[in-house]
C-alpha atoms as a PDB file:
ATOM      1  CA  MET A   1       8.070  19.093 -31.793  1.00  0.00           C
ATOM      2  CA  MET A   2       7.397  18.766 -28.230  1.00  0.00           C
ATOM      3  CA  VAL A   3       3.707  18.891 -27.091  1.00  0.00           C
ATOM      4  CA  THR A   4       3.141  19.353 -23.305  1.00  0.00           C
ATOM      5  CA  ILE A   5       1.239  16.866 -21.110  1.00  0.00           C
ATOM      6  CA  LYS A   6      -2.117  19.049 -20.352  1.00  0.00           C
ATOM      7  CA  HIS A   7      -4.548  18.996 -17.332  1.00  0.00           C
ATOM      8  CA  GLU A   8      -7.998  18.888 -19.089  1.00  0.00           C
ATOM      9  CA  MET A   9     -10.560  21.288 -17.606  1.00  0.00           C
ATOM     10  CA  VAL A  10     -13.931  19.273 -18.343  1.00  0.00           C
ATOM     11  CA  GLN A  11     -16.689  21.192 -19.014  1.00  0.00           C
ATOM     12  CA  LEU A  12     -19.879  19.492 -18.182  1.00  0.00           C
ATOM     13  CA  THR A  13     -22.824  18.893 -20.441  1.00  0.00           C
ATOM     14  CA  PRO A  14     -25.205  21.315 -19.216  1.00  0.00           C
ATOM     15  CA  SER A  15     -27.678  19.895 -16.661  1.00  0.00           C
ATOM     16  CA  LEU A  16     -25.833  16.803 -16.692  1.00  0.00           C
ATOM     17  CA  PRO A  17     -23.270  15.198 -14.565  1.00  0.00           C
ATOM     18  CA  PHE A  18     -20.731  14.262 -17.359  1.00  0.00           C
ATOM     19  CA  LYS A  19     -19.172  15.371 -20.255  1.00  0.00           C
ATOM     20  CA  PHE A  20     -20.412  13.436 -23.823  1.00  0.00           C
ATOM     21  CA  TYR A  21     -18.284  13.901 -26.705  1.00  0.00           C
ATOM     22  CA  ALA A  22     -18.337  12.337 -30.099  1.00  0.00           C
ATOM     23  CA  LYS A  23     -14.393  12.307 -31.301  1.00  0.00           C
ATOM     24  CA  ASP A  24     -13.911  14.027 -34.542  1.00  0.00           C
ATOM     25  CA  PRO A  25     -13.241  11.126 -36.740  1.00  0.00           C
ATOM     26  CA  HIS A  26     -10.732  12.924 -38.752  1.00  0.00           C
ATOM     27  CA  LYS A  27      -8.577  13.726 -35.729  1.00  0.00           C
ATOM     28  CA  THR A  28      -6.489  10.691 -35.835  1.00  0.00           C
ATOM     29  CA  ALA A  29      -4.030  11.561 -32.683  1.00  0.00           C
ATOM     30  CA  ILE A  30      -5.087  12.652 -29.291  1.00  0.00           C
ATOM     31  CA  ALA A  31      -1.989  14.183 -27.233  1.00  0.00           C
ATOM     32  CA  PRO A  32      -1.474  13.023 -23.557  1.00  0.00           C
ATOM     33  CA  HIS A  33      -3.687  14.774 -21.154  1.00  0.00           C
ATOM     34  CA  TRP A  34      -5.156  14.000 -17.781  1.00  0.00           C
ATOM     35  CA  HIS A  35      -8.204  15.174 -15.817  1.00  0.00           C
ATOM     36  CA  ARG A  36      -9.832  14.243 -12.688  1.00  0.00           C
ATOM     37  CA  GLY A  37     -13.131  12.573 -14.013  1.00  0.00           C
ATOM     38  CA  LEU A  38     -13.306   8.922 -14.556  1.00  0.00           C
ATOM     39  CA  GLU A  39     -13.362   8.650 -18.431  1.00  0.00           C
ATOM     40  CA  LEU A  40     -15.467   5.501 -20.246  1.00  0.00           C
ATOM     41  CA  ASN A  41     -14.893   5.240 -23.883  1.00  0.00           C
ATOM     42  CA  TRP A  42     -16.577   3.080 -26.531  1.00  0.00           C
ATOM     43  CA  LEU A  43     -14.817   2.556 -30.206  1.00  0.00           C
ATOM     44  CA  VAL A  44     -18.199   2.140 -32.321  1.00  0.00           C
ATOM     45  CA  ALA A  45     -16.487   1.486 -35.393  1.00  0.00           C
ATOM     46  CA  GLY A  46     -13.084   1.867 -37.258  1.00  0.00           C
ATOM     47  CA  GLY A  47      -9.612   0.917 -35.638  1.00  0.00           C
ATOM     48  CA  PRO A  48      -7.574  -0.321 -34.657  1.00  0.00           C
ATOM     49  CA  LEU A  49      -6.938   2.304 -31.853  1.00  0.00           C
ATOM     50  CA  THR A  50      -3.708   2.513 -29.797  1.00  0.00           C
ATOM     51  CA  VAL A  51      -4.312   4.107 -26.316  1.00  0.00           C
ATOM     52  CA  VAL A  52      -1.611   4.642 -23.837  1.00  0.00           C
ATOM     53  CA  GLN A  53      -2.309   5.090 -20.253  1.00  0.00           C
ATOM     54  CA  ASN A  54       0.642   5.715 -17.782  1.00  0.00           C
ATOM     55  CA  GLY A  55       2.908   4.262 -20.535  1.00  0.00           C
ATOM     56  CA  VAL A  56       1.073   1.182 -20.856  1.00  0.00           C
ATOM     57  CA  THR A  57      -0.374   0.380 -24.208  1.00  0.00           C
ATOM     58  CA  SER A  58      -3.381  -1.128 -25.259  1.00  0.00           C
ATOM     59  CA  ILE A  59      -4.825  -1.803 -28.904  1.00  0.00           C
ATOM     60  CA  PHE A  60      -8.773  -1.541 -29.072  1.00  0.00           C
ATOM     61  CA  HIS A  61     -11.145  -3.019 -31.902  1.00  0.00           C
ATOM     62  CA  ALA A  62     -14.537  -1.992 -32.688  1.00  0.00           C
ATOM     63  CA  GLY A  63     -16.951  -2.603 -30.173  1.00  0.00           C
ATOM     64  CA  ALA A  64     -14.431  -2.349 -27.293  1.00  0.00           C
ATOM     65  CA  MET A  65     -14.924  -0.270 -24.514  1.00  0.00           C
ATOM     66  CA  TRP A  66     -12.294   0.953 -21.658  1.00  0.00           C
ATOM     67  CA  THR A  67     -12.061   3.244 -18.426  1.00  0.00           C
ATOM     68  CA  VAL A  68      -9.355   5.985 -17.767  1.00  0.00           C
ATOM     69  CA  ASP A  69      -9.090   6.315 -14.067  1.00  0.00           C
ATOM     70  CA  SER A  70      -8.612  10.049 -12.456  1.00  0.00           C
ATOM     71  CA  ARG A  71      -5.642  11.600 -13.000  1.00  0.00           C
ATOM     72  CA  VAL A  72      -4.131   8.858 -15.339  1.00  0.00           C
ATOM     73  CA  VAL A  73      -2.195  10.422 -18.014  1.00  0.00           C
ATOM     74  CA  HIS A  74      -3.272   8.875 -21.522  1.00  0.00           C
ATOM     75  CA  ALA A  75      -3.458   9.661 -25.141  1.00  0.00           C
ATOM     76  CA  SER A  76      -4.342   7.624 -28.288  1.00  0.00           C
ATOM     77  CA  GLN A  77      -3.932   7.343 -32.083  1.00  0.00           C
ATOM     78  CA  SER A  78      -5.635   5.446 -34.776  1.00  0.00           C
ATOM     79  CA  GLY A  79      -2.679   5.291 -37.233  1.00  0.00           C
ATOM     80  CA  GLY A  80      -4.158   7.855 -39.816  1.00  0.00           C
ATOM     81  CA  VAL A  81      -7.577   5.899 -40.108  1.00  0.00           C
ATOM     82  CA  PRO A  82     -10.903   7.687 -39.081  1.00  0.00           C
ATOM     83  CA  VAL A  83     -12.965   6.082 -36.190  1.00  0.00           C
ATOM     84  CA  GLN A  84     -16.050   6.459 -34.602  1.00  0.00           C
ATOM     85  CA  GLU A  85     -15.447   6.738 -30.916  1.00  0.00           C
ATOM     86  CA  TYR A  86     -17.609   8.338 -28.127  1.00  0.00           C
ATOM     87  CA  GLY A  87     -16.959   9.011 -24.598  1.00  0.00           C
ATOM     88  CA  ILE A  88     -18.092  10.272 -21.345  1.00  0.00           C
ATOM     89  CA  ILE A  89     -16.107  11.962 -18.440  1.00  0.00           C
ATOM     90  CA  ILE A  90     -17.859  11.935 -15.398  1.00  0.00           C
ATOM     91  CA  ASP A  91     -17.756  14.625 -12.823  1.00  0.00           C
ATOM     92  CA  PRO A  92     -15.825  13.372  -9.852  1.00  0.00           C
ATOM     93  CA  THR A  93     -17.790  15.429  -7.361  1.00  0.00           C
ATOM     94  CA  PHE A  94     -20.828  13.713  -8.520  1.00  0.00           C
ATOM     95  CA  LEU A  95     -19.363  10.211  -8.687  1.00  0.00           C
ATOM     96  CA  GLU A  96     -18.316  10.439  -4.992  1.00  0.00           C
ATOM     97  CA  SER A  97     -21.569  11.853  -3.771  1.00  0.00           C
ATOM     98  CA  VAL A  98     -23.688   8.705  -5.200  1.00  0.00           C
ATOM     99  CA  LEU A  99     -20.771   6.293  -4.627  1.00  0.00           C
ATOM    100  CA  PRO A 100     -18.705   7.399  -2.059  1.00  0.00           C
ATOM    101  CA  ASP A 101     -16.574   4.416  -1.759  1.00  0.00           C
ATOM    102  CA  SER A 102     -15.640   5.124  -5.657  1.00  0.00           C
ATOM    103  CA  VAL A 103     -13.059   7.430  -4.231  1.00  0.00           C
ATOM    104  CA  ASN A 104     -11.067   3.924  -3.517  1.00  0.00           C
ATOM    105  CA  TRP A 105     -11.865   2.204  -6.604  1.00  0.00           C
ATOM    106  CA  HIS A 106      -9.870   1.482  -9.322  1.00  0.00           C
ATOM    107  CA  PHE A 107     -11.986   0.946 -12.709  1.00  0.00           C
ATOM    108  CA  THR A 108     -10.931  -2.098 -14.443  1.00  0.00           C
ATOM    109  CA  LEU A 109     -12.738  -2.355 -17.972  1.00  0.00           C
ATOM    110  CA  GLN A 110     -10.057  -2.353 -20.782  1.00  0.00           C
ATOM    111  CA  GLY A 111     -11.954  -3.850 -23.817  1.00  0.00           C
ATOM    112  CA  PRO A 112     -14.306  -6.883 -23.899  1.00  0.00           C
ATOM    113  CA  PRO A 113     -13.727  -9.495 -21.521  1.00  0.00           C
ATOM    114  CA  GLU A 114     -12.942 -13.069 -22.438  1.00  0.00           C
ATOM    115  CA  PRO A 115     -15.362 -14.545 -23.171  1.00  0.00           C
ATOM    116  CA  GLN A 116     -17.773 -11.669 -23.364  1.00  0.00           C
ATOM    117  CA  SER A 117     -20.098 -11.334 -20.322  1.00  0.00           C
ATOM    118  CA  PRO A 118     -23.646 -10.324 -20.182  1.00  0.00           C
ATOM    119  CA  ALA A 119     -22.668  -7.340 -17.940  1.00  0.00           C
ATOM    120  CA  TYR A 120     -20.215  -5.959 -20.896  1.00  0.00           C
ATOM    121  CA  ALA A 121     -23.093  -6.374 -23.375  1.00  0.00           C
ATOM    122  CA  ALA A 122     -25.572  -4.456 -21.069  1.00  0.00           C
ATOM    123  CA  LEU A 123     -23.047  -1.475 -20.552  1.00  0.00           C
ATOM    124  CA  GLN A 124     -22.586  -1.150 -24.506  1.00  0.00           C
ATOM    125  CA  ALA A 125     -26.411  -1.253 -24.865  1.00  0.00           C
ATOM    126  CA  ALA A 126     -26.952   1.344 -22.261  1.00  0.00           C
ATOM    127  CA  PHE A 127     -23.818   3.502 -23.749  1.00  0.00           C
ATOM    128  CA  ALA A 128     -25.842   3.073 -27.196  1.00  0.00           C
ATOM    129  CA  ALA A 129     -28.790   4.312 -25.028  1.00  0.00           C
ATOM    130  CA  LEU A 130     -26.923   7.129 -23.924  1.00  0.00           C
ATOM    131  CA  ALA A 131     -25.297   8.322 -26.835  1.00  0.00           C
ATOM    132  CA  LYS A 132     -28.676   8.374 -29.042  1.00  0.00           C
ATOM    133  CA  PRO A 133     -29.892  11.571 -27.309  1.00  0.00           C
ATOM    134  CA  MET A 134     -26.553  13.081 -26.631  1.00  0.00           C
ATOM    135  CA  THR A 135     -25.911  13.301 -30.775  1.00  0.00           C
ATOM    136  CA  ALA A 136     -29.064  15.241 -30.995  1.00  0.00           C
ATOM    137  CA  PRO A 137     -30.397  18.543 -29.654  1.00  0.00           C
ATOM    138  CA  LEU A 138     -31.098  17.851 -26.280  1.00  0.00           C
ATOM    139  CA  THR A 139     -34.743  18.371 -24.968  1.00  0.00           C
ATOM    140  CA  PRO A 140     -35.909  17.984 -21.723  1.00  0.00           C
ATOM    141  CA  VAL A 141     -37.249  14.677 -22.258  1.00  0.00           C
ATOM    142  CA  SER A 142     -33.971  13.541 -23.875  1.00  0.00           C
ATOM    143  CA  ARG A 143     -31.946  14.569 -21.275  1.00  0.00           C
ATOM    144  CA  LEU A 144     -34.154  12.357 -18.955  1.00  0.00           C
ATOM    145  CA  GLU A 145     -33.517   9.434 -21.442  1.00  0.00           C
ATOM    146  CA  ALA A 146     -29.678  10.214 -21.265  1.00  0.00           C
ATOM    147  CA  LEU A 147     -29.503  10.287 -17.505  1.00  0.00           C
ATOM    148  CA  SER A 148     -31.420   7.239 -17.026  1.00  0.00           C
ATOM    149  CA  ALA A 149     -28.851   5.286 -19.411  1.00  0.00           C
ATOM    150  CA  PHE A 150     -25.964   6.969 -17.653  1.00  0.00           C
ATOM    151  CA  TYR A 151     -27.043   5.641 -14.176  1.00  0.00           C
ATOM    152  CA  GLN A 152     -27.447   2.305 -15.503  1.00  0.00           C
ATOM    153  CA  MET A 153     -24.043   2.785 -16.669  1.00  0.00           C
ATOM    154  CA  LEU A 154     -22.958   3.731 -13.652  1.00  0.00           C
ATOM    155  CA  ALA A 155     -24.602   0.973 -11.916  1.00  0.00           C
ATOM    156  CA  LEU A 156     -23.020  -1.812 -14.225  1.00  0.00           C
ATOM    157  CA  LEU A 157     -19.486  -0.078 -13.996  1.00  0.00           C
ATOM    158  CA  ALA A 158     -19.793  -0.209 -10.043  1.00  0.00           C
ATOM    159  CA  THR A 159     -20.898  -3.681  -9.864  1.00  0.00           C
ATOM    160  CA  HIS A 160     -18.982  -5.401 -12.741  1.00  0.00           C
ATOM    161  CA  PHE A 161     -15.780  -3.419 -13.428  1.00  0.00           C
ATOM    162  CA  THR A 162     -14.128  -2.040 -10.379  1.00  0.00           C
ATOM    163  CA  ALA A 163     -11.528  -3.149  -7.876  1.00  0.00           C
ATOM    164  CA  VAL A 164     -11.005  -2.040  -4.402  1.00  0.00           C
ATOM    165  CA  LYS A 165      -7.613  -0.107  -3.709  1.00  0.00           C
ATOM    166  CA  ALA A 166      -5.897  -0.047  -0.459  1.00  0.00           C
ATOM    167  CA  THR A 167      -7.779   2.574   1.889  1.00  0.00           C
ATOM    168  CA  PRO A 168      -5.745   6.043   2.058  1.00  0.00           C
ATOM    169  CA  VAL A 169      -3.785   5.862   5.255  1.00  0.00           C
ATOM    170  CA  VAL A 170      -4.078  10.025   5.021  1.00  0.00           C
ATOM    171  CA  ARG A 171      -7.155  12.329   4.037  1.00  0.00           C
ATOM    172  CA  VAL A 172      -6.810  12.766   0.296  1.00  0.00           C
ATOM    173  CA  ASN A 173      -6.264  16.380  -0.621  1.00  0.00           C
ATOM    174  CA  ALA A 174      -6.912  16.229  -4.379  1.00  0.00           C
ATOM    175  CA  PRO A 175      -6.429  19.697  -5.356  1.00  0.00           C
ATOM    176  CA  LEU A 176      -2.850  19.558  -4.118  1.00  0.00           C
ATOM    177  CA  VAL A 177      -2.109  16.466  -6.111  1.00  0.00           C
ATOM    178  CA  ASP A 178      -3.449  18.222  -9.274  1.00  0.00           C
ATOM    179  CA  GLU A 179      -1.322  21.304  -8.874  1.00  0.00           C
ATOM    180  CA  ALA A 180       1.758  19.329  -8.211  1.00  0.00           C
ATOM    181  CA  MET A 181       0.779  17.161 -11.368  1.00  0.00           C
ATOM    182  CA  ALA A 182       0.574  20.179 -13.442  1.00  0.00           C
ATOM    183  CA  LEU A 183       3.604  21.823 -11.970  1.00  0.00           C
ATOM    184  CA  ILE A 184       5.508  18.562 -12.977  1.00  0.00           C
ATOM    185  CA  ASP A 185       4.172  18.506 -16.477  1.00  0.00           C
ATOM    186  CA  GLN A 186       5.537  22.179 -16.905  1.00  0.00           C
ATOM    187  CA  GLN A 187       8.988  21.966 -15.292  1.00  0.00           C
ATOM    188  CA  TYR A 188       9.940  18.284 -16.189  1.00  0.00           C
ATOM    189  CA  ALA A 189      12.758  19.228 -18.773  1.00  0.00           C
ATOM    190  CA  GLU A 190      14.131  21.467 -15.588  1.00  0.00           C
ATOM    191  CA  PRO A 191      16.321  19.689 -12.685  1.00  0.00           C
ATOM    192  CA  VAL A 192      13.390  19.259 -10.535  1.00  0.00           C
ATOM    193  CA  LYS A 193      13.576  18.633  -6.927  1.00  0.00           C
ATOM    194  CA  ILE A 194      10.723  17.655  -4.831  1.00  0.00           C
ATOM    195  CA  SER A 195      11.658  19.822  -1.982  1.00  0.00           C
ATOM    196  CA  GLN A 196      11.297  22.650  -4.474  1.00  0.00           C
ATOM    197  CA  LEU A 197       8.000  21.472  -5.798  1.00  0.00           C
ATOM    198  CA  ALA A 198       6.922  21.192  -2.146  1.00  0.00           C
ATOM    199  CA  ALA A 199       8.409  24.597  -1.148  1.00  0.00           C
ATOM    200  CA  GLN A 200       6.079  25.876  -4.169  1.00  0.00           C
ATOM    201  CA  LEU A 201       2.910  24.395  -3.088  1.00  0.00           C
ATOM    202  CA  HIS A 202       3.432  25.657   0.612  1.00  0.00           C
ATOM    203  CA  THR A 203       3.688  21.872   2.006  1.00  0.00           C
ATOM    204  CA  SER A 204       6.257  19.533   3.153  1.00  0.00           C
ATOM    205  CA  VAL A 205       8.154  16.936   1.063  1.00  0.00           C
ATOM    206  CA  THR A 206       6.337  14.009   3.432  1.00  0.00           C
ATOM    207  CA  THR A 207       2.767  15.447   2.894  1.00  0.00           C
ATOM    208  CA  LEU A 208       3.215  15.908  -0.705  1.00  0.00           C
ATOM    209  CA  GLY A 209       4.971  12.183  -1.038  1.00  0.00           C
ATOM    210  CA  ASN A 210       1.661  10.953   0.966  1.00  0.00           C
ATOM    211  CA  GLN A 211      -0.735  12.474  -0.962  1.00  0.00           C
ATOM    212  CA  PHE A 212       0.860  11.279  -3.977  1.00  0.00           C
ATOM    213  CA  GLN A 213       0.780   7.779  -2.598  1.00  0.00           C
ATOM    214  CA  ALA A 214      -2.751   7.932  -1.456  1.00  0.00           C
ATOM    215  CA  THR A 215      -4.108   9.525  -4.628  1.00  0.00           C
ATOM    216  CA  LEU A 216      -1.934   7.875  -7.503  1.00  0.00           C
ATOM    217  CA  LYS A 217      -0.082   5.137  -5.654  1.00  0.00           C
ATOM    218  CA  GLN A 218       3.105   6.573  -6.592  1.00  0.00           C
ATOM    219  CA  SER A 219       5.314   9.020  -5.305  1.00  0.00           C
ATOM    220  CA  PRO A 220       6.156  12.198  -6.918  1.00  0.00           C
ATOM    221  CA  ASN A 221       9.602  11.358  -8.323  1.00  0.00           C
ATOM    222  CA  GLN A 222       7.908   8.109  -9.999  1.00  0.00           C
ATOM    223  CA  TYR A 223       5.339  10.636 -11.703  1.00  0.00           C
ATOM    224  CA  LEU A 224       8.124  13.009 -12.733  1.00  0.00           C
ATOM    225  CA  GLN A 225      10.078   9.731 -14.353  1.00  0.00           C
ATOM    226  CA  GLU A 226       6.884   8.720 -15.979  1.00  0.00           C
ATOM    227  CA  VAL A 227       6.374  12.172 -17.386  1.00  0.00           C
ATOM    228  CA  ARG A 228       9.940  12.342 -18.775  1.00  0.00           C
ATOM    229  CA  LEU A 229       9.927   8.993 -20.269  1.00  0.00           C
ATOM    230  CA  MET A 230       6.636   9.783 -22.267  1.00  0.00           C
ATOM    231  CA  LYS A 231       8.292  12.945 -23.385  1.00  0.00           C
ATOM    232  CA  ALA A 232      11.568  11.198 -24.713  1.00  0.00           C
ATOM    233  CA  ARG A 233       9.528   8.332 -26.371  1.00  0.00           C
ATOM    234  CA  GLU A 234       7.580  11.325 -28.331  1.00  0.00           C
ATOM    235  CA  LEU A 235      10.746  13.100 -29.107  1.00  0.00           C
ATOM    236  CA  LEU A 236      12.297   9.857 -30.449  1.00  0.00           C
ATOM    237  CA  LEU A 237       9.274   8.929 -32.758  1.00  0.00           C
ATOM    238  CA  THR A 238       8.300  12.531 -33.753  1.00  0.00           C
ATOM    239  CA  SER A 239      11.870  14.105 -34.368  1.00  0.00           C
ATOM    240  CA  ASN A 240      15.272  13.283 -35.750  1.00  0.00           C
ATOM    241  CA  LYS A 241      16.869  14.996 -32.933  1.00  0.00           C
ATOM    242  CA  PRO A 242      20.024  13.318 -31.435  1.00  0.00           C
ATOM    243  CA  ILE A 243      19.709  11.277 -28.540  1.00  0.00           C
ATOM    244  CA  GLU A 244      21.654  13.611 -26.246  1.00  0.00           C
ATOM    245  CA  TYR A 245      18.918  16.173 -27.293  1.00  0.00           C
ATOM    246  CA  VAL A 246      16.304  13.905 -26.580  1.00  0.00           C
ATOM    247  CA  ALA A 247      17.816  13.308 -23.250  1.00  0.00           C
ATOM    248  CA  MET A 248      18.295  17.095 -22.257  1.00  0.00           C
ATOM    249  CA  ALA A 249      14.923  18.021 -23.537  1.00  0.00           C
ATOM    250  CA  SER A 250      12.965  15.070 -21.540  1.00  0.00           C
ATOM    251  CA  GLY A 251      14.986  16.198 -18.237  1.00  0.00           C
ATOM    252  CA  PHE A 252      17.285  13.160 -17.994  1.00  0.00           C
ATOM    253  CA  GLY A 253      20.384  15.335 -18.408  1.00  0.00           C
ATOM    254  CA  ASN A 254      22.536  12.990 -20.490  1.00  0.00           C
ATOM    255  CA  SER A 255      22.150  10.142 -22.717  1.00  0.00           C
ATOM    256  CA  ARG A 256      23.423   7.800 -20.359  1.00  0.00           C
ATOM    257  CA  SER A 257      20.872   8.368 -17.655  1.00  0.00           C
ATOM    258  CA  LEU A 258      17.943   8.410 -20.704  1.00  0.00           C
ATOM    259  CA  ALA A 259      19.359   4.968 -22.071  1.00  0.00           C
ATOM    260  CA  ARG A 260      19.148   3.164 -18.741  1.00  0.00           C
ATOM    261  CA  ASN A 261      15.869   4.388 -17.824  1.00  0.00           C
ATOM    262  CA  PHE A 262      14.342   4.077 -21.192  1.00  0.00           C
ATOM    263  CA  LYS A 263      15.833   0.405 -21.318  1.00  0.00           C
ATOM    264  CA  ARG A 264      14.138  -0.270 -18.064  1.00  0.00           C
ATOM    265  CA  TRP A 265      10.742   1.109 -19.364  1.00  0.00           C
ATOM    266  CA  LYS A 266      10.630  -0.303 -22.790  1.00  0.00           C
ATOM    267  CA  GLY A 267      13.225  -3.231 -22.876  1.00  0.00           C
ATOM    268  CA  LEU A 268      15.298  -1.270 -25.544  1.00  0.00           C
ATOM    269  CA  THR A 269      17.759   1.530 -25.658  1.00  0.00           C
ATOM    270  CA  PRO A 270      16.450   4.720 -27.348  1.00  0.00           C
ATOM    271  CA  SER A 271      18.071   4.015 -30.258  1.00  0.00           C
ATOM    272  CA  ALA A 272      16.898   0.689 -30.832  1.00  0.00           C
ATOM    273  CA  TYR A 273      13.506   1.648 -30.014  1.00  0.00           C
ATOM    274  CA  ARG A 274      13.614   4.597 -32.398  1.00  0.00           C
ATOM    275  CA  ALA A 275      14.952   2.031 -35.284  1.00  0.00           C
ATOM    276  CA  ALA A 276      12.017  -0.271 -34.655  1.00  0.00           C
ATOM    277  CA  TYR A 277       9.155   1.802 -34.427  1.00  0.00           C
ATOM    278  CA  LYS A 278       9.719   5.272 -35.793  1.00  0.00           C
ATOM    279  CA  ARG A 279       8.869   4.000 -39.472  1.00  0.00           C
ATOM    280  CA  TYR A 280       5.376   3.733 -38.362  1.00  0.00           C
ATOM    281  CA  HIS A 281       5.249   7.518 -37.496  1.00  0.00           C
ATOM    282  CA  GLN A 282       5.417  10.871 -39.133  1.00  0.00           C
ATOM    283  CA  ASN A 283       7.485  13.750 -38.043  1.00  0.00           C
ATOM    284  CA  ASP A 284       5.897  16.717 -35.939  1.00  0.00           C
ATOM    285  CA  ARG A 285       2.668  14.222 -35.257  1.00  0.00           C
ATOM    286  CA  ILE A 286       1.890  12.486 -32.321  1.00  0.00           C
ATOM    287  CA  TYR A 287       1.780   8.529 -32.541  1.00  0.00           C
ATOM    288  CA  PHE A 288       1.590   5.904 -30.016  1.00  0.00           C
ATOM    289  CA  GLU A 289       2.595   2.491 -31.440  1.00  0.00           C
ATOM    290  CA  ASN A 290       3.761   0.744 -28.336  1.00  0.00           C
END
């Protein structure tokens, strides 16, 4: 069963510059998606939790916090084990208004550092202070408490868990990139040509390429390849479809092209990868083990 990578339209918590969520403990798999806001997650209890960001896998245990940068495709699964997880997605417009340099930041938090730092402990304490009012009906006073903890979290993230990206050589047009990513997510199984994609968006190939480089640090073709590989991987692990079918359904055209690109990505052929990891998965469910 194919599941489309979705652009999640984030609805903010009323009167707050972020969306807070407490993950349903019985929802053990989150399908691939992306959004414009920075995401911060905290695995409070349970696990391990497997998180895939742009094809890179991390395994987090209870107590771990991690960030997901804007526009990064990500998914998670807990292997059928219930977990307690909190998260916030920060309004990107608000973030850039209070921290203008954040447009060129990469957020580096990916679990507890070794050795654990005072800043990590402080961030976890601030997250707990935010979660307490957010998991109860909000009042004017508790909303202020949440906002206070949120600002402390922003300060800690900005001071201790960021790295500066190269300054873009072009002015970023985020809506253009968002729309291009959404079209690729819809059309990946077709013989997509970047020239046709640019024409759909009423822009030039050069402009579209420059915008992808400035925003995502990759080309439109690299993003298309990434989406196709993630789709192929999903089909390998969640279906018994032949490899040729997987290749066609994920946009590679034939099994040779799929095998060449998949082996470069995962170090295994599609057949070998399926044989190694499918036993950990169930048909028609989304799991991300490696």
